[in-house]
């Protein structure tokens, strides 16, 4: 079963620093990273910067469409307000169908603010205690949503890239 996690860091560059830790954990077979993205939000900026970490050609990668939709709903829809209300409701319902709840989105929105950063990843086969221990010294806060096998498959179908 895949898990979508968001690690929030107290600095705009904490998520970048965590990437080396994540690579180390993967090399030790303590986690299998299927896809990842980083959000960095510098103080004084109206919105965060985002970037996808893995090639969309990698097996299991969700791609930019998924990350763009998720980050749009978390960080940019509140700025737009009621102008996109009906469309937002439909999108939120679609994400809930694949296991990404309103509570997850609300929690990330409240915690990832100017002056912070976040590392988002879709992973599986994690040894959670060991992964959590590696991130303890970073003072990162973990927010997670577990996806069922069916939800993971629907998520992949909705956001996978077709190879040409």
N, C-alpha and C. Protein backbone atom coordinates (compact mmCIF):
# COMPACT_ATOMS: atom_id res chain seq x y z
N UNK A 1 0.85 -1.18 0.00
CA UNK A 1 0.00 0.00 0.00
C UNK A 1 0.89 1.24 0.00
N UNK A 2 0.51 2.23 -0.77
CA UNK A 2 1.26 3.47 -0.84
C UNK A 2 0.78 4.43 0.24
N UNK A 3 1.66 5.32 0.62
CA UNK A 3 1.34 6.35 1.58
C UNK A 3 1.75 7.69 1.00
N UNK A 4 0.85 8.64 1.03
CA UNK A 4 1.18 10.01 0.66
C UNK A 4 1.52 10.73 1.95
N UNK A 5 2.73 11.26 2.05
CA UNK A 5 3.13 11.97 3.26
C UNK A 5 3.59 13.36 2.92
N UNK A 6 3.45 14.22 3.90
CA UNK A 6 3.97 15.58 3.81
C UNK A 6 4.74 15.84 5.09
N UNK A 7 6.02 16.15 4.93
CA UNK A 7 6.88 16.50 6.07
C UNK A 7 7.04 18.01 6.05
N UNK A 8 6.61 18.68 7.10
CA UNK A 8 6.72 20.14 7.20
C UNK A 8 7.97 20.48 7.99
N UNK A 9 8.72 21.46 7.48
CA UNK A 9 9.96 21.91 8.10
C UNK A 9 9.84 23.38 8.47
N UNK A 10 10.51 23.78 9.54
CA UNK A 10 10.38 25.13 10.10
C UNK A 10 11.17 26.19 9.34
N UNK A 11 11.87 25.81 8.27
CA UNK A 11 12.61 26.78 7.46
C UNK A 11 12.25 26.59 5.99
N UNK A 12 12.47 27.61 5.18
CA UNK A 12 12.14 27.48 3.76
C UNK A 12 13.00 26.44 3.02
N UNK A 13 14.12 26.02 3.62
CA UNK A 13 15.02 25.10 2.93
C UNK A 13 15.16 23.76 3.64
N UNK A 14 14.40 23.54 4.68
CA UNK A 14 14.47 22.28 5.42
C UNK A 14 14.11 21.07 4.56
N UNK A 15 13.13 21.23 3.67
CA UNK A 15 12.74 20.10 2.81
C UNK A 15 13.87 19.74 1.85
N UNK A 16 14.58 20.74 1.35
CA UNK A 16 15.73 20.46 0.48
C UNK A 16 16.78 19.66 1.23
N UNK A 17 17.04 20.04 2.47
CA UNK A 17 18.03 19.33 3.28
C UNK A 17 17.61 17.89 3.55
N UNK A 18 16.31 17.67 3.62
CA UNK A 18 15.79 16.33 3.91
C UNK A 18 15.94 15.37 2.73
N UNK A 19 16.15 15.89 1.54
CA UNK A 19 16.26 15.02 0.38
C UNK A 19 17.42 14.04 0.50
N UNK A 20 18.56 14.50 1.02
CA UNK A 20 19.70 13.61 1.20
C UNK A 20 19.36 12.48 2.17
N UNK A 21 18.63 12.82 3.22
CA UNK A 21 18.20 11.81 4.19
C UNK A 21 17.29 10.80 3.52
N UNK A 22 16.38 11.28 2.71
CA UNK A 22 15.45 10.41 2.01
C UNK A 22 16.19 9.46 1.06
N UNK A 23 17.17 9.97 0.34
CA UNK A 23 17.96 9.13 -0.56
C UNK A 23 18.72 8.05 0.23
N UNK A 24 19.25 8.43 1.37
CA UNK A 24 19.97 7.47 2.23
C UNK A 24 19.02 6.37 2.69
N UNK A 25 17.84 6.75 3.14
CA UNK A 25 16.86 5.77 3.61
C UNK A 25 16.44 4.82 2.48
N UNK A 26 16.30 5.36 1.30
CA UNK A 26 15.93 4.51 0.16
C UNK A 26 17.07 3.54 -0.17
N UNK A 27 18.32 4.01 -0.11
CA UNK A 27 19.46 3.13 -0.40
C UNK A 27 19.60 2.01 0.64
N UNK A 28 19.09 2.24 1.84
CA UNK A 28 19.12 1.24 2.90
C UNK A 28 17.85 0.38 2.91
N UNK A 29 17.02 0.53 1.89
CA UNK A 29 15.78 -0.23 1.74
C UNK A 29 14.82 -0.01 2.91
N UNK A 30 14.84 1.21 3.47
CA UNK A 30 13.92 1.54 4.56
C UNK A 30 12.66 2.25 4.07
N UNK A 31 12.67 2.61 2.79
CA UNK A 31 11.51 3.24 2.17
C UNK A 31 11.66 3.12 0.66
N UNK A 32 10.54 3.00 -0.04
CA UNK A 32 10.55 3.00 -1.50
C UNK A 32 9.83 4.27 -1.95
N UNK A 33 10.58 5.21 -2.50
CA UNK A 33 10.00 6.46 -2.97
C UNK A 33 9.50 6.27 -4.39
N UNK A 34 8.22 6.50 -4.59
CA UNK A 34 7.63 6.37 -5.91
C UNK A 34 7.55 7.71 -6.63
N UNK A 35 7.36 8.77 -5.87
CA UNK A 35 7.33 10.11 -6.44
C UNK A 35 7.48 11.10 -5.29
N UNK A 36 7.97 12.29 -5.60
CA UNK A 36 8.18 13.29 -4.55
C UNK A 36 8.15 14.69 -5.13
N UNK A 37 7.87 15.67 -4.26
CA UNK A 37 7.89 17.08 -4.64
C UNK A 37 8.23 17.90 -3.40
N UNK A 38 8.80 19.08 -3.64
CA UNK A 38 9.18 19.98 -2.56
C UNK A 38 8.43 21.29 -2.73
N UNK A 39 7.98 21.83 -1.61
CA UNK A 39 7.38 23.16 -1.54
C UNK A 39 8.27 24.00 -0.63
N UNK A 40 8.72 25.14 -1.13
CA UNK A 40 9.52 26.08 -0.33
C UNK A 40 8.79 27.41 -0.31
N UNK A 41 8.64 27.98 0.89
CA UNK A 41 7.90 29.23 0.99
C UNK A 41 8.72 30.22 1.79
N UNK A 42 9.36 31.14 1.09
CA UNK A 42 10.18 32.15 1.74
C UNK A 42 9.31 33.23 2.36
N UNK A 43 9.78 33.78 3.46
CA UNK A 43 9.08 34.87 4.14
C UNK A 43 8.98 36.05 3.18
N UNK A 44 7.82 36.68 3.17
CA UNK A 44 7.60 37.85 2.31
C UNK A 44 7.05 37.52 0.94
N UNK A 45 7.00 36.24 0.59
CA UNK A 45 6.46 35.83 -0.71
C UNK A 45 4.97 35.53 -0.55
N UNK A 46 4.19 35.84 -1.59
CA UNK A 46 2.75 35.60 -1.53
C UNK A 46 2.40 34.13 -1.68
N UNK A 47 3.25 33.40 -2.38
CA UNK A 47 2.97 31.99 -2.61
C UNK A 47 4.27 31.20 -2.59
N UNK A 48 4.17 29.91 -2.36
CA UNK A 48 5.37 29.07 -2.33
C UNK A 48 5.85 28.71 -3.73
N UNK A 49 7.08 28.25 -3.81
CA UNK A 49 7.58 27.66 -5.04
C UNK A 49 7.49 26.14 -4.88
N UNK A 50 7.24 25.46 -5.97
CA UNK A 50 7.09 24.02 -5.93
C UNK A 50 7.93 23.40 -7.04
N UNK A 51 8.38 22.18 -6.78
CA UNK A 51 9.07 21.45 -7.84
C UNK A 51 8.96 19.95 -7.60
N UNK A 52 8.79 19.25 -8.69
CA UNK A 52 8.70 17.80 -8.67
C UNK A 52 10.12 17.24 -8.62
N UNK A 53 10.30 16.18 -7.85
CA UNK A 53 11.65 15.66 -7.63
C UNK A 53 12.05 14.52 -8.57
N UNK A 54 11.12 13.74 -9.04
CA UNK A 54 11.47 12.56 -9.82
C UNK A 54 11.00 12.68 -11.25
N UNK A 55 11.66 11.97 -12.11
CA UNK A 55 11.28 11.90 -13.51
C UNK A 55 9.89 11.30 -13.64
N UNK A 56 9.09 11.88 -14.50
CA UNK A 56 7.75 11.33 -14.72
C UNK A 56 7.81 10.04 -15.51
N UNK A 57 8.98 9.68 -16.03
CA UNK A 57 9.14 8.42 -16.75
C UNK A 57 9.38 7.25 -15.79
N UNK A 58 9.68 7.54 -14.52
CA UNK A 58 9.95 6.49 -13.53
C UNK A 58 8.67 5.72 -13.24
N UNK A 59 8.80 4.43 -13.11
CA UNK A 59 7.63 3.60 -12.79
C UNK A 59 7.01 4.07 -11.49
N UNK A 60 5.71 4.26 -11.50
CA UNK A 60 5.00 4.66 -10.29
C UNK A 60 4.86 6.16 -10.12
N UNK A 61 5.57 6.95 -10.94
CA UNK A 61 5.50 8.40 -10.78
C UNK A 61 4.11 8.91 -11.12
N UNK A 62 3.65 9.85 -10.34
CA UNK A 62 2.32 10.42 -10.58
C UNK A 62 2.36 11.53 -11.59
N UNK A 63 3.43 12.30 -11.59
CA UNK A 63 3.59 13.36 -12.57
C UNK A 63 3.13 14.72 -12.10
N UNK A 64 3.48 15.70 -12.91
CA UNK A 64 3.20 17.09 -12.60
C UNK A 64 1.72 17.42 -12.49
N UNK A 65 0.88 16.71 -13.22
CA UNK A 65 -0.56 16.97 -13.14
C UNK A 65 -1.09 16.75 -11.73
N UNK A 66 -0.67 15.65 -11.12
CA UNK A 66 -1.09 15.38 -9.75
C UNK A 66 -0.58 16.44 -8.79
N UNK A 67 0.74 16.69 -8.82
CA UNK A 67 1.32 17.66 -7.88
C UNK A 67 0.73 19.05 -8.11
N UNK A 68 0.54 19.42 -9.37
CA UNK A 68 -0.05 20.74 -9.66
C UNK A 68 -1.45 20.87 -9.10
N UNK A 69 -2.26 19.83 -9.26
CA UNK A 69 -3.63 19.85 -8.73
C UNK A 69 -3.60 19.93 -7.21
N UNK A 70 -2.79 19.06 -6.59
CA UNK A 70 -2.74 19.03 -5.13
C UNK A 70 -2.26 20.37 -4.57
N UNK A 71 -1.16 20.88 -5.10
CA UNK A 71 -0.63 22.15 -4.59
C UNK A 71 -1.55 23.31 -4.91
N UNK A 72 -2.22 23.25 -6.05
CA UNK A 72 -3.19 24.30 -6.38
C UNK A 72 -4.30 24.35 -5.36
N UNK A 73 -4.84 23.18 -5.00
CA UNK A 73 -5.92 23.14 -4.01
C UNK A 73 -5.45 23.57 -2.63
N UNK A 74 -4.23 23.19 -2.27
CA UNK A 74 -3.74 23.52 -0.94
C UNK A 74 -3.37 24.99 -0.83
N UNK A 75 -2.60 25.49 -1.77
CA UNK A 75 -1.99 26.81 -1.61
C UNK A 75 -2.63 27.94 -2.42
N UNK A 76 -3.25 27.64 -3.55
CA UNK A 76 -3.70 28.72 -4.41
C UNK A 76 -5.19 28.93 -4.42
N UNK A 77 -5.99 27.89 -4.21
CA UNK A 77 -7.44 28.05 -4.19
C UNK A 77 -7.89 29.00 -3.07
N UNK A 78 -7.30 28.93 -1.86
CA UNK A 78 -7.74 29.89 -0.83
C UNK A 78 -7.55 31.34 -1.26
N UNK A 79 -6.56 31.60 -2.09
CA UNK A 79 -6.31 32.96 -2.58
C UNK A 79 -7.41 33.38 -3.55
N UNK A 80 -7.88 32.43 -4.37
CA UNK A 80 -8.89 32.73 -5.38
C UNK A 80 -10.28 32.91 -4.80
N UNK A 81 -10.51 32.35 -3.63
CA UNK A 81 -11.80 32.51 -2.96
C UNK A 81 -12.94 31.80 -3.66
N UNK A 82 -14.10 32.41 -3.62
CA UNK A 82 -15.32 31.77 -4.11
C UNK A 82 -15.44 31.74 -5.62
N UNK A 83 -14.54 32.38 -6.34
CA UNK A 83 -14.62 32.43 -7.79
C UNK A 83 -14.65 31.03 -8.40
N UNK A 84 -13.93 30.12 -7.79
CA UNK A 84 -13.86 28.76 -8.33
C UNK A 84 -14.53 27.76 -7.38
N UNK A 85 -15.51 28.19 -6.63
CA UNK A 85 -16.12 27.36 -5.61
C UNK A 85 -16.65 26.03 -6.09
N UNK A 86 -17.47 26.00 -7.14
CA UNK A 86 -18.07 24.75 -7.61
C UNK A 86 -17.01 23.81 -8.15
N UNK A 87 -16.09 24.34 -8.93
CA UNK A 87 -15.02 23.50 -9.49
C UNK A 87 -14.14 22.93 -8.38
N UNK A 88 -13.88 23.73 -7.37
CA UNK A 88 -13.06 23.27 -6.25
C UNK A 88 -13.74 22.12 -5.53
N UNK A 89 -15.04 22.23 -5.33
CA UNK A 89 -15.77 21.15 -4.67
C UNK A 89 -15.67 19.85 -5.44
N UNK A 90 -15.76 19.92 -6.75
CA UNK A 90 -15.64 18.72 -7.58
C UNK A 90 -14.24 18.13 -7.49
N UNK A 91 -13.23 18.99 -7.52
CA UNK A 91 -11.85 18.49 -7.43
C UNK A 91 -11.59 17.87 -6.06
N UNK A 92 -12.08 18.50 -5.01
CA UNK A 92 -11.89 17.96 -3.66
C UNK A 92 -12.55 16.59 -3.56
N UNK A 93 -13.72 16.45 -4.17
CA UNK A 93 -14.39 15.16 -4.17
C UNK A 93 -13.58 14.11 -4.90
N UNK A 94 -12.96 14.49 -6.01
CA UNK A 94 -12.13 13.56 -6.78
C UNK A 94 -10.92 13.11 -5.98
N UNK A 95 -10.28 14.04 -5.27
CA UNK A 95 -9.12 13.67 -4.45
C UNK A 95 -9.55 12.78 -3.29
N UNK A 96 -10.71 13.05 -2.71
CA UNK A 96 -11.20 12.21 -1.62
C UNK A 96 -11.41 10.79 -2.10
N UNK A 97 -11.83 10.64 -3.36
CA UNK A 97 -12.04 9.30 -3.93
C UNK A 97 -10.74 8.50 -3.98
N UNK A 98 -9.60 9.17 -4.05
CA UNK A 98 -8.32 8.47 -4.09
C UNK A 98 -7.59 8.56 -2.76
N UNK A 99 -8.30 8.95 -1.70
CA UNK A 99 -7.74 8.86 -0.35
C UNK A 99 -7.09 10.11 0.17
N UNK A 100 -7.21 11.23 -0.52
CA UNK A 100 -6.63 12.48 -0.04
C UNK A 100 -7.78 13.30 0.53
N UNK A 101 -7.88 13.32 1.84
CA UNK A 101 -9.04 13.91 2.51
C UNK A 101 -8.95 15.42 2.64
N UNK A 102 -10.11 16.01 2.90
CA UNK A 102 -10.18 17.44 3.20
C UNK A 102 -9.32 17.76 4.42
N UNK A 103 -9.31 16.85 5.40
CA UNK A 103 -8.52 17.07 6.62
C UNK A 103 -7.03 17.14 6.30
N UNK A 104 -6.55 16.29 5.40
CA UNK A 104 -5.14 16.31 4.98
C UNK A 104 -4.82 17.66 4.33
N UNK A 105 -5.66 18.08 3.40
CA UNK A 105 -5.43 19.35 2.69
C UNK A 105 -5.48 20.52 3.67
N UNK A 106 -6.45 20.53 4.56
CA UNK A 106 -6.57 21.61 5.55
C UNK A 106 -5.36 21.64 6.47
N UNK A 107 -4.92 20.48 6.92
CA UNK A 107 -3.78 20.41 7.83
C UNK A 107 -2.51 20.92 7.16
N UNK A 108 -2.27 20.50 5.92
CA UNK A 108 -1.09 20.99 5.19
C UNK A 108 -1.19 22.49 4.99
N UNK A 109 -2.37 22.98 4.61
CA UNK A 109 -2.57 24.41 4.37
C UNK A 109 -2.26 25.23 5.62
N UNK A 110 -2.65 24.71 6.79
CA UNK A 110 -2.43 25.43 8.05
C UNK A 110 -0.97 25.40 8.48
N UNK A 111 -0.24 24.33 8.14
CA UNK A 111 1.12 24.16 8.65
C UNK A 111 2.20 24.67 7.70
N UNK A 112 1.98 24.58 6.41
CA UNK A 112 2.98 25.03 5.45
C UNK A 112 2.63 26.47 5.08
N UNK A 113 3.35 27.39 5.72
CA UNK A 113 3.08 28.82 5.62
C UNK A 113 4.39 29.55 5.31
N UNK A 114 4.35 30.87 5.07
CA UNK A 114 5.59 31.59 4.80
C UNK A 114 6.65 31.31 5.88
N UNK A 115 7.88 31.03 5.41
CA UNK A 115 8.98 30.73 6.31
C UNK A 115 9.18 29.24 6.56
N UNK A 116 8.37 28.39 5.89
CA UNK A 116 8.48 26.94 6.07
C UNK A 116 8.70 26.27 4.71
N UNK A 117 8.85 24.97 4.75
CA UNK A 117 8.93 24.17 3.53
C UNK A 117 8.32 22.82 3.82
N UNK A 118 8.09 22.04 2.76
CA UNK A 118 7.52 20.71 2.94
C UNK A 118 8.05 19.77 1.87
N UNK A 119 8.22 18.53 2.28
CA UNK A 119 8.60 17.46 1.38
C UNK A 119 7.40 16.53 1.27
N UNK A 120 6.85 16.40 0.06
CA UNK A 120 5.70 15.54 -0.19
C UNK A 120 6.20 14.30 -0.92
N UNK A 121 5.77 13.13 -0.47
CA UNK A 121 6.17 11.94 -1.20
C UNK A 121 5.12 10.86 -1.19
N UNK A 122 5.12 10.13 -2.28
CA UNK A 122 4.32 8.93 -2.40
C UNK A 122 5.31 7.79 -2.24
N UNK A 123 5.11 7.00 -1.19
CA UNK A 123 6.08 5.96 -0.87
C UNK A 123 5.37 4.68 -0.46
N UNK A 124 6.15 3.63 -0.39
CA UNK A 124 5.64 2.35 0.10
C UNK A 124 6.77 1.62 0.80
N UNK A 125 6.42 0.55 1.46
CA UNK A 125 7.39 -0.32 2.12
C UNK A 125 8.29 0.43 3.09
N UNK A 126 7.74 1.42 3.77
CA UNK A 126 8.54 2.19 4.72
C UNK A 126 8.60 1.49 6.07
N UNK A 127 9.76 1.55 6.67
CA UNK A 127 9.94 1.12 8.05
C UNK A 127 9.74 2.41 8.87
N UNK A 128 8.48 2.66 9.24
CA UNK A 128 8.10 3.97 9.75
C UNK A 128 8.91 4.43 10.95
N UNK A 129 9.18 3.53 11.90
CA UNK A 129 9.94 3.94 13.08
C UNK A 129 11.33 4.44 12.70
N UNK A 130 11.99 3.75 11.78
CA UNK A 130 13.34 4.14 11.35
C UNK A 130 13.30 5.44 10.56
N UNK A 131 12.31 5.56 9.69
CA UNK A 131 12.18 6.80 8.90
C UNK A 131 11.91 7.98 9.84
N UNK A 132 10.98 7.81 10.75
CA UNK A 132 10.65 8.87 11.70
C UNK A 132 11.88 9.25 12.54
N UNK A 133 12.64 8.24 12.98
CA UNK A 133 13.85 8.52 13.77
C UNK A 133 14.86 9.36 12.99
N UNK A 134 15.00 9.09 11.70
CA UNK A 134 15.95 9.85 10.88
C UNK A 134 15.55 11.32 10.77
N UNK A 135 14.25 11.60 10.82
CA UNK A 135 13.77 12.96 10.68
C UNK A 135 13.60 13.69 12.01
N UNK A 136 13.77 12.99 13.14
CA UNK A 136 13.56 13.63 14.45
C UNK A 136 14.44 14.85 14.66
N UNK A 137 15.70 14.76 14.30
CA UNK A 137 16.63 15.87 14.52
C UNK A 137 16.32 17.09 13.66
N UNK A 138 15.51 16.93 12.65
CA UNK A 138 15.17 18.04 11.77
C UNK A 138 13.99 18.84 12.32
N UNK A 139 13.36 18.35 13.36
CA UNK A 139 12.14 18.95 13.89
C UNK A 139 11.04 19.03 12.84
N UNK A 140 11.06 18.06 11.93
CA UNK A 140 10.01 18.00 10.91
C UNK A 140 8.74 17.45 11.53
N UNK A 141 7.63 17.89 11.01
CA UNK A 141 6.35 17.36 11.46
C UNK A 141 5.75 16.54 10.34
N UNK A 142 5.32 15.34 10.64
CA UNK A 142 4.76 14.44 9.65
C UNK A 142 3.25 14.54 9.62
N UNK A 143 2.72 14.66 8.40
CA UNK A 143 1.29 14.60 8.15
C UNK A 143 1.14 13.47 7.13
N UNK A 144 0.27 12.51 7.36
CA UNK A 144 0.19 11.41 6.39
C UNK A 144 -1.24 11.01 6.10
N UNK A 145 -1.42 10.42 4.91
CA UNK A 145 -2.68 9.82 4.51
C UNK A 145 -2.34 8.45 3.97
N UNK A 146 -2.94 7.42 4.49
CA UNK A 146 -2.72 6.09 3.94
C UNK A 146 -3.71 5.85 2.82
N UNK A 147 -3.22 5.32 1.73
CA UNK A 147 -4.05 4.99 0.59
C UNK A 147 -4.26 3.49 0.53
N UNK A 148 -5.49 3.07 0.31
CA UNK A 148 -5.74 1.65 0.10
C UNK A 148 -5.21 1.28 -1.28
N UNK A 149 -5.09 -0.01 -1.56
CA UNK A 149 -4.61 -0.46 -2.87
C UNK A 149 -5.52 0.07 -3.98
N UNK A 150 -6.84 0.04 -3.74
CA UNK A 150 -7.79 0.54 -4.73
C UNK A 150 -7.62 2.05 -4.94
N UNK A 151 -7.44 2.80 -3.85
CA UNK A 151 -7.24 4.24 -3.98
C UNK A 151 -5.93 4.56 -4.70
N UNK A 152 -4.89 3.78 -4.40
CA UNK A 152 -3.62 3.99 -5.08
C UNK A 152 -3.78 3.76 -6.58
N UNK A 153 -4.48 2.70 -6.97
CA UNK A 153 -4.69 2.40 -8.39
C UNK A 153 -5.48 3.52 -9.07
N UNK A 154 -6.52 4.03 -8.41
CA UNK A 154 -7.30 5.13 -8.98
C UNK A 154 -6.46 6.39 -9.12
N UNK A 155 -5.59 6.63 -8.13
CA UNK A 155 -4.70 7.79 -8.19
C UNK A 155 -3.75 7.66 -9.38
N UNK A 156 -3.17 6.49 -9.55
CA UNK A 156 -2.26 6.26 -10.68
C UNK A 156 -2.98 6.42 -12.01
N UNK A 157 -4.20 5.87 -12.11
CA UNK A 157 -4.96 5.98 -13.35
C UNK A 157 -5.29 7.43 -13.67
N UNK A 158 -5.60 8.20 -12.64
CA UNK A 158 -5.98 9.60 -12.85
C UNK A 158 -4.81 10.48 -13.26
N UNK A 159 -3.60 10.16 -12.77
CA UNK A 159 -2.49 11.08 -12.97
C UNK A 159 -1.27 10.47 -13.65
N UNK A 160 -1.37 9.24 -14.15
CA UNK A 160 -0.18 8.63 -14.77
C UNK A 160 0.07 9.25 -16.14
N UNK A 161 1.33 9.16 -16.55
CA UNK A 161 1.73 9.65 -17.86
C UNK A 161 1.77 8.46 -18.82
N UNK A 162 1.32 8.71 -20.04
CA UNK A 162 1.42 7.66 -21.05
C UNK A 162 2.77 7.79 -21.73
N UNK A 163 3.48 6.66 -21.89
CA UNK A 163 4.76 6.68 -22.60
C UNK A 163 4.48 6.72 -24.10
N UNK A 164 5.23 7.55 -24.79
CA UNK A 164 5.06 7.65 -26.25
C UNK A 164 5.82 6.58 -26.96
